[in-house]
All heavy atoms as atom14 arrays in JSON, in Angstrom:
{
  "sequence": "RQVVDQLRQEGPTQEELTRAREQSKANVMMGLE",
  "atom14_mask": [
    [1, 1, 1, 1, 1, 1, 1, 1, 1, 1, 1, 0, 0, 0],
    [1, 1, 1, 1, 1, 1, 1, 1, 1, 0, 0, 0, 0, 0],
    [1, 1, 1, 1, 1, 1, 1, 0, 0, 0, 0, 0, 0, 0],
    [1, 1, 1, 1, 1, 1, 1, 0, 0, 0, 0, 0, 0, 0],
    [1, 1, 1, 1, 1, 1, 1, 1, 0, 0, 0, 0, 0, 0],
    [1, 1, 1, 1, 1, 1, 1, 1, 1, 0, 0, 0, 0, 0],
    [1, 1, 1, 1, 1, 1, 1, 1, 0, 0, 0, 0, 0, 0],
    [1, 1, 1, 1, 1, 1, 1, 1, 1, 1, 1, 0, 0, 0],
    [1, 1, 1, 1, 1, 1, 1, 1, 1, 0, 0, 0, 0, 0],
    [1, 1, 1, 1, 1, 1, 1, 1, 1, 0, 0, 0, 0, 0],
    [1, 1, 1, 1, 0, 0, 0, 0, 0, 0, 0, 0, 0, 0],
    [1, 1, 1, 1, 1, 1, 1, 0, 0, 0, 0, 0, 0, 0],
    [1, 1, 1, 1, 1, 1, 1, 0, 0, 0, 0, 0, 0, 0],
    [1, 1, 1, 1, 1, 1, 1, 1, 1, 0, 0, 0, 0, 0],
    [1, 1, 1, 1, 1, 1, 1, 1, 1, 0, 0, 0, 0, 0],
    [1, 1, 1, 1, 1, 1, 1, 1, 1, 0, 0, 0, 0, 0],
    [1, 1, 1, 1, 1, 1, 1, 1, 0, 0, 0, 0, 0, 0],
    [1, 1, 1, 1, 1, 1, 1, 0, 0, 0, 0, 0, 0, 0],
    [1, 1, 1, 1, 1, 1, 1, 1, 1, 1, 1, 0, 0, 0],
    [1, 1, 1, 1, 1, 0, 0, 0, 0, 0, 0, 0, 0, 0],
    [1, 1, 1, 1, 1, 1, 1, 1, 1, 1, 1, 0, 0, 0],
    [1, 1, 1, 1, 1, 1, 1, 1, 1, 0, 0, 0, 0, 0],
    [1, 1, 1, 1, 1, 1, 1, 1, 1, 0, 0, 0, 0, 0],
    [1, 1, 1, 1, 1, 1, 0, 0, 0, 0, 0, 0, 0, 0],
    [1, 1, 1, 1, 1, 1, 1, 1, 1, 0, 0, 0, 0, 0],
    [1, 1, 1, 1, 1, 0, 0, 0, 0, 0, 0, 0, 0, 0],
    [1, 1, 1, 1, 1, 1, 1, 1, 0, 0, 0, 0, 0, 0],
    [1, 1, 1, 1, 1, 1, 1, 0, 0, 0, 0, 0, 0, 0],
    [1, 1, 1, 1, 1, 1, 1, 1, 0, 0, 0, 0, 0, 0],
    [1, 1, 1, 1, 1, 1, 1, 1, 0, 0, 0, 0, 0, 0],
    [1, 1, 1, 1, 0, 0, 0, 0, 0, 0, 0, 0, 0, 0],
    [1, 1, 1, 1, 1, 1, 1, 1, 0, 0, 0, 0, 0, 0],
    [1, 1, 1, 1, 1, 1, 1, 1, 1, 0, 0, 0, 0, 0]
  ],
  "atom14_positions": [
    [[-22.81, 28.43, 8.66], [-22.37, 29.47, 9.6], [-22.07, 28.88, 10.97], [-21.08, 29.26, 11.62], [-23.44, 30.56, 9.7], [-23.09, 31.61, 10.73], [-23.7, 32.94, 10.51], [-23.2, 33.88, 11.52], [-23.26, 35.19, 11.42], [-23.76, 35.74, 10.34], [-22.81, 35.96, 12.38], [0.0, 0.0, 0.0], [0.0, 0.0, 0.0], [0.0, 0.0, 0.0]],
    [[-22.9, 27.95, 11.43], [-22.65, 27.32, 12.72], [-21.31, 26.57, 12.73], [-20.54, 26.66, 13.69], [-23.79, 26.36, 13.06], [-25.11, 27.05, 13.36], [-26.26, 26.05, 13.47], [-26.06, 24.84, 13.38], [-27.47, 26.57, 13.68], [0.0, 0.0, 0.0], [0.0, 0.0, 0.0], [0.0, 0.0, 0.0], [0.0, 0.0, 0.0], [0.0, 0.0, 0.0]],
    [[-21.04, 25.84, 11.64], [-19.8, 25.06, 11.55], [-18.59, 26.0, 11.54], [-17.59, 25.76, 12.23], [-19.81, 24.17, 10.3], [-18.45, 23.51, 10.09], [-20.9, 23.1, 10.42], [0.0, 0.0, 0.0], [0.0, 0.0, 0.0], [0.0, 0.0, 0.0], [0.0, 0.0, 0.0], [0.0, 0.0, 0.0], [0.0, 0.0, 0.0], [0.0, 0.0, 0.0]],
    [[-18.68, 27.06, 10.75], [-17.58, 28.03, 10.67], [-17.35, 28.7, 12.02], [-16.21, 28.83, 12.49], [-17.87, 29.08, 9.58], [-16.87, 30.24, 9.66], [-17.83, 28.44, 8.2], [0.0, 0.0, 0.0], [0.0, 0.0, 0.0], [0.0, 0.0, 0.0], [0.0, 0.0, 0.0], [0.0, 0.0, 0.0], [0.0, 0.0, 0.0], [0.0, 0.0, 0.0]],
    [[-18.44, 29.12, 12.67], [-18.3, 29.79, 13.96], [-17.69, 28.86, 15.02], [-16.87, 29.29, 15.84], [-19.66, 30.3, 14.44], [-20.09, 31.56, 13.71], [-19.22, 32.23, 13.09], [-21.29, 31.9, 13.74], [0.0, 0.0, 0.0], [0.0, 0.0, 0.0], [0.0, 0.0, 0.0], [0.0, 0.0, 0.0], [0.0, 0.0, 0.0], [0.0, 0.0, 0.0]],
    [[-18.1, 27.6, 15.0], [-17.56, 26.66, 15.98], [-16.06, 26.47, 15.78], [-15.29, 26.45, 16.74], [-18.29, 25.33, 15.89], [-17.82, 24.32, 16.94], [-18.55, 23.0, 16.84], [-19.04, 22.62, 15.77], [-18.63, 22.27, 17.95], [0.0, 0.0, 0.0], [0.0, 0.0, 0.0], [0.0, 0.0, 0.0], [0.0, 0.0, 0.0], [0.0, 0.0, 0.0]],
    [[-15.64, 26.34, 14.51], [-14.22, 26.18, 14.23], [-13.46, 27.45, 14.62], [-12.35, 27.38, 15.17], [-14.0, 25.86, 12.76], [-12.55, 25.62, 12.31], [-11.92, 24.48, 13.1], [-12.48, 25.32, 10.81], [0.0, 0.0, 0.0], [0.0, 0.0, 0.0], [0.0, 0.0, 0.0], [0.0, 0.0, 0.0], [0.0, 0.0, 0.0], [0.0, 0.0, 0.0]],
    [[-14.05, 28.58, 14.37], [-13.4, 29.86, 14.7], [-13.23, 30.02, 16.21], [-12.2, 30.5, 16.68], [-14.23, 31.02, 14.15], [-13.61, 32.4, 14.36], [-14.52, 33.48, 13.77], [-13.87, 34.78, 13.79], [-13.85, 35.59, 14.84], [-14.47, 35.23, 15.96], [-13.25, 36.77, 14.78], [0.0, 0.0, 0.0], [0.0, 0.0, 0.0], [0.0, 0.0, 0.0]],
    [[-14.22, 29.6, 16.96], [-14.2, 29.81, 18.41], [-13.4, 28.74, 19.15], [-12.66, 29.03, 20.1], [-15.64, 29.85, 18.94], [-16.42, 31.06, 18.46], [-17.93, 30.87, 18.6], [-18.4, 29.92, 19.21], [-18.69, 31.79, 18.02], [0.0, 0.0, 0.0], [0.0, 0.0, 0.0], [0.0, 0.0, 0.0], [0.0, 0.0, 0.0], [0.0, 0.0, 0.0]],
    [[-13.54, 27.48, 18.71], [-12.95, 26.38, 19.46], [-11.68, 25.83, 18.81], [-10.88, 25.16, 19.48], [-13.97, 25.25, 19.61], [-15.24, 25.68, 20.34], [-16.28, 24.58, 20.36], [-15.97, 23.45, 19.91], [-17.41, 24.86, 20.82], [0.0, 0.0, 0.0], [0.0, 0.0, 0.0], [0.0, 0.0, 0.0], [0.0, 0.0, 0.0], [0.0, 0.0, 0.0]],
    [[-11.52, 26.07, 17.52], [-10.36, 25.54, 16.82], [-10.52, 24.06, 16.5], [-11.5, 23.42, 16.9], [0.0, 0.0, 0.0], [0.0, 0.0, 0.0], [0.0, 0.0, 0.0], [0.0, 0.0, 0.0], [0.0, 0.0, 0.0], [0.0, 0.0, 0.0], [0.0, 0.0, 0.0], [0.0, 0.0, 0.0], [0.0, 0.0, 0.0], [0.0, 0.0, 0.0]],
    [[-9.56, 23.49, 15.81], [-9.64, 22.07, 15.45], [-9.18, 21.18, 16.61], [-8.46, 21.63, 17.51], [-8.66, 21.96, 14.28], [-7.62, 22.99, 14.59], [-8.36, 24.13, 15.25], [0.0, 0.0, 0.0], [0.0, 0.0, 0.0], [0.0, 0.0, 0.0], [0.0, 0.0, 0.0], [0.0, 0.0, 0.0], [0.0, 0.0, 0.0], [0.0, 0.0, 0.0]],
    [[-9.6, 19.94, 16.58], [-9.03, 18.97, 17.51], [-7.64, 18.58, 17.04], [-7.29, 18.79, 15.87], [-9.91, 17.72, 17.59], [-9.88, 17.04, 16.32], [-11.36, 18.07, 17.94], [0.0, 0.0, 0.0], [0.0, 0.0, 0.0], [0.0, 0.0, 0.0], [0.0, 0.0, 0.0], [0.0, 0.0, 0.0], [0.0, 0.0, 0.0], [0.0, 0.0, 0.0]],
    [[-6.86, 17.99, 17.91], [-5.53, 17.55, 17.52], [-5.63, 16.45, 16.47], [-4.79, 16.38, 15.55], [-4.75, 17.05, 18.73], [-3.28, 16.83, 18.45], [-2.57, 18.09, 17.98], [-2.73, 19.16, 18.58], [-1.81, 18.0, 16.89], [0.0, 0.0, 0.0], [0.0, 0.0, 0.0], [0.0, 0.0, 0.0], [0.0, 0.0, 0.0], [0.0, 0.0, 0.0]],
    [[-6.65, 15.62, 16.58], [-6.84, 14.55, 15.59], [-7.12, 15.15, 14.21], [-6.57, 14.69, 13.2], [-8.0, 13.65, 16.01], [-8.28, 12.53, 15.01], [-9.53, 11.73, 15.37], [-10.15, 12.03, 16.41], [-9.88, 10.83, 14.59], [0.0, 0.0, 0.0], [0.0, 0.0, 0.0], [0.0, 0.0, 0.0], [0.0, 0.0, 0.0], [0.0, 0.0, 0.0]],
    [[-7.97, 16.18, 14.14], [-8.25, 16.83, 12.86], [-7.0, 17.47, 12.28], [-6.75, 17.37, 11.07], [-9.32, 17.92, 13.06], [-10.72, 17.41, 13.26], [-11.7, 18.54, 13.51], [-11.36, 19.46, 14.31], [-12.79, 18.53, 12.92], [0.0, 0.0, 0.0], [0.0, 0.0, 0.0], [0.0, 0.0, 0.0], [0.0, 0.0, 0.0], [0.0, 0.0, 0.0]],
    [[-6.21, 18.11, 13.13], [-5.0, 18.76, 12.65], [-4.01, 17.74, 12.1], [-3.42, 17.95, 11.03], [-4.36, 19.57, 13.77], [-3.13, 20.39, 13.4], [-3.45, 21.41, 12.32], [-2.55, 21.09, 14.64], [0.0, 0.0, 0.0], [0.0, 0.0, 0.0], [0.0, 0.0, 0.0], [0.0, 0.0, 0.0], [0.0, 0.0, 0.0], [0.0, 0.0, 0.0]],
    [[-3.86, 16.63, 12.79], [-2.95, 15.59, 12.33], [-3.42, 15.01, 11.0], [-2.62, 14.79, 10.08], [-2.84, 14.47, 13.38], [-2.33, 15.03, 14.59], [-1.92, 13.36, 12.9], [0.0, 0.0, 0.0], [0.0, 0.0, 0.0], [0.0, 0.0, 0.0], [0.0, 0.0, 0.0], [0.0, 0.0, 0.0], [0.0, 0.0, 0.0], [0.0, 0.0, 0.0]],
    [[-4.72, 14.76, 10.89], [-5.28, 14.2, 9.65], [-5.08, 15.18, 8.49], [-4.68, 14.78, 7.39], [-6.75, 13.88, 9.85], [-7.38, 13.14, 8.68], [-8.74, 12.56, 9.05], [-9.69, 13.57, 9.49], [-10.27, 13.59, 10.69], [-9.98, 12.66, 11.58], [-11.14, 14.54, 11.01], [0.0, 0.0, 0.0], [0.0, 0.0, 0.0], [0.0, 0.0, 0.0]],
    [[-5.35, 16.45, 8.72], [-5.19, 17.46, 7.67], [-3.72, 17.59, 7.27], [-3.4, 17.73, 6.08], [-5.72, 18.81, 8.15], [0.0, 0.0, 0.0], [0.0, 0.0, 0.0], [0.0, 0.0, 0.0], [0.0, 0.0, 0.0], [0.0, 0.0, 0.0], [0.0, 0.0, 0.0], [0.0, 0.0, 0.0], [0.0, 0.0, 0.0], [0.0, 0.0, 0.0]],
    [[-2.83, 17.52, 8.24], [-1.41, 17.64, 7.95], [-0.94, 16.47, 7.08], [-0.23, 16.67, 6.09], [-0.63, 17.67, 9.27], [0.79, 18.19, 9.11], [1.63, 17.94, 10.34], [0.98, 18.19, 11.6], [0.91, 19.38, 12.2], [1.43, 20.43, 11.62], [0.32, 19.5, 13.37], [0.0, 0.0, 0.0], [0.0, 0.0, 0.0], [0.0, 0.0, 0.0]],
    [[-1.33, 15.26, 7.45], [-0.91, 14.09, 6.68], [-1.52, 14.09, 5.28], [-0.89, 13.69, 4.31], [-1.27, 12.8, 7.42], [-0.48, 12.61, 8.71], [1.02, 12.71, 8.49], [1.53, 12.04, 7.56], [1.68, 13.47, 9.24], [0.0, 0.0, 0.0], [0.0, 0.0, 0.0], [0.0, 0.0, 0.0], [0.0, 0.0, 0.0], [0.0, 0.0, 0.0]],
    [[-2.76, 14.55, 5.18], [-3.41, 14.64, 3.88], [-2.69, 15.64, 2.98], [-2.42, 15.36, 1.8], [-4.87, 15.08, 4.07], [-5.69, 15.15, 2.78], [-7.1, 15.65, 3.04], [-7.32, 16.56, 3.82], [-8.07, 15.03, 2.38], [0.0, 0.0, 0.0], [0.0, 0.0, 0.0], [0.0, 0.0, 0.0], [0.0, 0.0, 0.0], [0.0, 0.0, 0.0]],
    [[-2.32, 16.78, 3.53], [-1.63, 17.81, 2.75], [-0.24, 17.35, 2.34], [0.2, 17.57, 1.2], [-1.55, 19.11, 3.55], [-2.85, 19.62, 3.82], [0.0, 0.0, 0.0], [0.0, 0.0, 0.0], [0.0, 0.0, 0.0], [0.0, 0.0, 0.0], [0.0, 0.0, 0.0], [0.0, 0.0, 0.0], [0.0, 0.0, 0.0], [0.0, 0.0, 0.0]],
    [[0.47, 16.7, 3.24], [1.8, 16.2, 2.93], [1.74, 15.12, 1.84], [2.58, 15.1, 0.93], [2.46, 15.66, 4.2], [2.88, 16.77, 5.16], [3.02, 16.3, 6.6], [4.08, 15.26, 6.79], [4.29, 14.95, 8.23], [0.0, 0.0, 0.0], [0.0, 0.0, 0.0], [0.0, 0.0, 0.0], [0.0, 0.0, 0.0], [0.0, 0.0, 0.0]],
    [[0.75, 14.25, 1.94], [0.6, 13.21, 0.92], [0.3, 13.83, -0.44], [0.82, 13.38, -1.48], [-0.51, 12.23, 1.31], [0.0, 0.0, 0.0], [0.0, 0.0, 0.0], [0.0, 0.0, 0.0], [0.0, 0.0, 0.0], [0.0, 0.0, 0.0], [0.0, 0.0, 0.0], [0.0, 0.0, 0.0], [0.0, 0.0, 0.0], [0.0, 0.0, 0.0]],
    [[-0.55, 14.86, -0.46], [-0.88, 15.52, -1.72], [0.36, 16.12, -2.37], [0.53, 16.08, -3.59], [-1.93, 16.61, -1.49], [-3.3, 16.05, -1.2], [-3.59, 14.89, -1.51], [-4.16, 16.86, -0.59], [0.0, 0.0, 0.0], [0.0, 0.0, 0.0], [0.0, 0.0, 0.0], [0.0, 0.0, 0.0], [0.0, 0.0, 0.0], [0.0, 0.0, 0.0]],
    [[1.25, 16.68, -1.54], [2.49, 17.26, -2.07], [3.37, 16.18, -2.68], [3.81, 16.28, -3.83], [3.25, 18.01, -0.96], [4.66, 18.39, -1.44], [2.5, 19.25, -0.53], [0.0, 0.0, 0.0], [0.0, 0.0, 0.0], [0.0, 0.0, 0.0], [0.0, 0.0, 0.0], [0.0, 0.0, 0.0], [0.0, 0.0, 0.0], [0.0, 0.0, 0.0]],
    [[3.63, 15.14, -1.91], [4.56, 14.11, -2.35], [4.03, 13.34, -3.57], [4.75, 13.1, -4.54], [4.87, 13.15, -1.21], [5.53, 13.82, -0.02], [7.03, 14.75, -0.44], [8.13, 13.41, -0.9], [0.0, 0.0, 0.0], [0.0, 0.0, 0.0], [0.0, 0.0, 0.0], [0.0, 0.0, 0.0], [0.0, 0.0, 0.0], [0.0, 0.0, 0.0]],
    [[2.76, 12.96, -3.53], [2.19, 12.2, -4.65], [1.97, 13.09, -5.87], [1.99, 12.62, -7.0], [0.89, 11.53, -4.23], [1.12, 10.41, -3.21], [-0.35, 9.41, -2.86], [-1.37, 10.57, -1.96], [0.0, 0.0, 0.0], [0.0, 0.0, 0.0], [0.0, 0.0, 0.0], [0.0, 0.0, 0.0], [0.0, 0.0, 0.0], [0.0, 0.0, 0.0]],
    [[1.78, 14.39, -5.62], [1.57, 15.31, -6.73], [2.82, 15.69, -7.47], [2.77, 16.36, -8.5], [0.0, 0.0, 0.0], [0.0, 0.0, 0.0], [0.0, 0.0, 0.0], [0.0, 0.0, 0.0], [0.0, 0.0, 0.0], [0.0, 0.0, 0.0], [0.0, 0.0, 0.0], [0.0, 0.0, 0.0], [0.0, 0.0, 0.0], [0.0, 0.0, 0.0]],
    [[3.99, 15.28, -6.95], [5.25, 15.63, -7.6], [5.96, 14.39, -8.16], [7.19, 14.37, -8.27], [6.18, 16.35, -6.6], [5.74, 17.75, -6.19], [6.67, 18.31, -5.13], [5.69, 18.69, -7.39], [0.0, 0.0, 0.0], [0.0, 0.0, 0.0], [0.0, 0.0, 0.0], [0.0, 0.0, 0.0], [0.0, 0.0, 0.0], [0.0, 0.0, 0.0]],
    [[5.18, 13.38, -8.52], [5.8, 12.14, -8.99], [5.9, 12.04, -10.5], [6.37, 11.03, -11.02], [5.04, 10.94, -8.41], [5.25, 10.77, -6.91], [4.67, 9.49, -6.35], [3.85, 8.87, -7.06], [5.03, 9.12, -5.23], [0.0, 0.0, 0.0], [0.0, 0.0, 0.0], [0.0, 0.0, 0.0], [0.0, 0.0, 0.0], [0.0, 0.0, 0.0]]
  ]
}
């Protein structure tokens, strides 16, 4: 609950967002091979 509330209130860092974006993009590209 603490982790969820912190993310809800403060949002992600730019580093986290970039990492999540690259991870998701890689999953798409590698998953369609």
